[in-house]
Amino acid sequence: MKSIVLALVLSLAAGGAYADSCKVQSDSKKLAGAAKDSFMKKCAGDAATACDKSAAEKKLSGAAKDSFTKKCVSDAVGA
């Protein structure tokens, strides 16, 4: 139980690791339409890869890994 709580706390802290979310970057580049869609898709893929790597480094597995990765990617992509 302690490891799950620790993993959730770490996931909240890791959310700030991205200086600008994908959405902020696309807005600052003034992307629209297909260019924005393509950029967002690539950015989300890159974020997922980085978040999976981070979860592996933290030795997370199961629900803790899923929760961490979901939050990490969500924070990286932006709302």
C-alpha atoms as a PDB file:
ATOM      1  CA  MET A   1       0.000   0.000   0.000  1.00  0.00           C
ATOM      2  CA  LYS A   2       2.829   2.388   0.847  1.00  0.00           C
ATOM      3  CA  SER A   3       4.406   1.803  -2.553  1.00  0.00           C
ATOM      4  CA  ILE A   4       1.178   2.735  -4.344  1.00  0.00           C
ATOM      5  CA  VAL A   5       0.843   5.945  -2.342  1.00  0.00           C
ATOM      6  CA  LEU A   6       4.488   6.759  -2.998  1.00  0.00           C
ATOM      7  CA  ALA A   7       4.013   6.117  -6.713  1.00  0.00           C
ATOM      8  CA  LEU A   8       1.030   8.462  -6.840  1.00  0.00           C
ATOM      9  CA  VAL A   9       2.941  11.199  -5.021  1.00  0.00           C
ATOM     10  CA  LEU A  10       5.854  10.778  -7.422  1.00  0.00           C
ATOM     11  CA  SER A  11       3.506  10.953 -10.388  1.00  0.00           C
ATOM     12  CA  LEU A  12       2.158  14.275  -9.197  1.00  0.00           C
ATOM     13  CA  ALA A  13       5.681  15.616  -8.803  1.00  0.00           C
ATOM     14  CA  ALA A  14       6.739  14.337 -12.223  1.00  0.00           C
ATOM     15  CA  GLY A  15       3.901  16.203 -13.904  1.00  0.00           C
ATOM     16  CA  GLY A  16       5.866  19.434 -13.676  1.00  0.00           C
ATOM     17  CA  ALA A  17       8.783  17.923 -15.594  1.00  0.00           C
ATOM     18  CA  TYR A  18       7.558  19.348 -18.902  1.00  0.00           C
ATOM     19  CA  ALA A  19       8.226  23.056 -19.275  1.00  0.00           C
ATOM     20  CA  ASP A  20       5.534  23.545 -21.914  1.00  0.00           C
ATOM     21  CA  SER A  21       2.723  21.184 -22.762  1.00  0.00           C
ATOM     22  CA  CYS A  22       2.154  20.099 -26.339  1.00  0.00           C
ATOM     23  CA  LYS A  23      -0.873  22.384 -26.492  1.00  0.00           C
ATOM     24  CA  VAL A  24       1.142  25.410 -25.355  1.00  0.00           C
ATOM     25  CA  GLN A  25       3.857  24.613 -27.882  1.00  0.00           C
ATOM     26  CA  SER A  26       1.371  24.244 -30.738  1.00  0.00           C
ATOM     27  CA  ASP A  27      -0.309  27.503 -29.785  1.00  0.00           C
ATOM     28  CA  SER A  28       3.015  29.353 -29.615  1.00  0.00           C
ATOM     29  CA  LYS A  29       3.909  28.001 -33.076  1.00  0.00           C
ATOM     30  CA  LYS A  30       0.484  29.137 -34.291  1.00  0.00           C
ATOM     31  CA  LEU A  31      -0.276  25.724 -35.765  1.00  0.00           C
ATOM     32  CA  ALA A  32      -3.741  24.929 -37.090  1.00  0.00           C
ATOM     33  CA  GLY A  33      -5.571  22.181 -38.915  1.00  0.00           C
ATOM     34  CA  ALA A  34      -3.587  19.190 -40.124  1.00  0.00           C
ATOM     35  CA  ALA A  35      -0.258  20.656 -39.002  1.00  0.00           C
ATOM     36  CA  LYS A  36      -1.552  21.014 -35.441  1.00  0.00           C
ATOM     37  CA  ASP A  37      -3.064  17.509 -35.477  1.00  0.00           C
ATOM     38  CA  SER A  38       0.208  16.021 -36.704  1.00  0.00           C
ATOM     39  CA  PHE A  39       2.254  17.953 -34.144  1.00  0.00           C
ATOM     40  CA  MET A  40      -0.047  16.959 -31.281  1.00  0.00           C
ATOM     41  CA  LYS A  41       0.029  13.285 -32.306  1.00  0.00           C
ATOM     42  CA  LYS A  42       3.834  13.232 -32.459  1.00  0.00           C
ATOM     43  CA  CYS A  43       4.160  15.182 -29.226  1.00  0.00           C
ATOM     44  CA  ALA A  44       1.788  12.813 -27.401  1.00  0.00           C
ATOM     45  CA  GLY A  45       3.727   9.816 -28.721  1.00  0.00           C
ATOM     46  CA  ASP A  46       7.008  11.314 -27.559  1.00  0.00           C
ATOM     47  CA  ALA A  47       5.474  12.056 -24.160  1.00  0.00           C
ATOM     48  CA  ALA A  48       4.182   8.488 -23.825  1.00  0.00           C
ATOM     49  CA  THR A  49       7.648   7.125 -24.587  1.00  0.00           C
ATOM     50  CA  ALA A  50       9.280   9.452 -22.060  1.00  0.00           C
ATOM     51  CA  CYS A  51       6.669   8.660 -19.412  1.00  0.00           C
ATOM     52  CA  ASP A  52       7.047   4.898 -19.952  1.00  0.00           C
ATOM     53  CA  LYS A  53      10.811   5.266 -19.560  1.00  0.00           C
ATOM     54  CA  SER A  54      10.345   7.303 -16.405  1.00  0.00           C
ATOM     55  CA  ALA A  55       7.966   4.697 -14.976  1.00  0.00           C
ATOM     56  CA  ALA A  56      10.501   1.962 -15.730  1.00  0.00           C
ATOM     57  CA  GLU A  57      13.255   3.944 -14.006  1.00  0.00           C
ATOM     58  CA  LYS A  58      11.019   4.231 -10.949  1.00  0.00           C
ATOM     59  CA  LYS A  59      10.394   0.466 -11.143  1.00  0.00           C
ATOM     60  CA  LEU A  60       6.624   0.947 -11.257  1.00  0.00           C
ATOM     61  CA  SER A  61       4.345  -1.837 -12.387  1.00  0.00           C
ATOM     62  CA  GLY A  62       0.664  -2.668 -12.611  1.00  0.00           C
ATOM     63  CA  ALA A  63      -1.848  -0.047 -11.532  1.00  0.00           C
ATOM     64  CA  ALA A  64       0.833   2.300 -10.205  1.00  0.00           C
ATOM     65  CA  LYS A  65       2.573   2.328 -13.609  1.00  0.00           C
ATOM     66  CA  ASP A  66      -0.716   2.826 -15.450  1.00  0.00           C
ATOM     67  CA  SER A  67      -1.740   5.691 -13.171  1.00  0.00           C
ATOM     68  CA  PHE A  68       1.673   7.344 -13.378  1.00  0.00           C
ATOM     69  CA  THR A  69       1.864   7.052 -17.168  1.00  0.00           C
ATOM     70  CA  LYS A  70      -1.687   8.322 -17.711  1.00  0.00           C
ATOM     71  CA  LYS A  71      -1.107  11.398 -15.515  1.00  0.00           C
ATOM     72  CA  CYS A  72       2.334  12.030 -16.985  1.00  0.00           C
ATOM     73  CA  VAL A  73       1.087  11.940 -20.596  1.00  0.00           C
ATOM     74  CA  SER A  74      -1.959  14.040 -19.708  1.00  0.00           C
ATOM     75  CA  ASP A  75       0.238  16.699 -18.136  1.00  0.00           C
ATOM     76  CA  ALA A  76       2.654  16.647 -21.068  1.00  0.00           C
ATOM     77  CA  VAL A  77      -0.058  16.968 -23.704  1.00  0.00           C
ATOM     78  CA  GLY A  78      -2.095  19.609 -21.874  1.00  0.00           C
ATOM     79  CA  ALA A  79      -5.823  20.059 -21.768  1.00  0.00           C
END
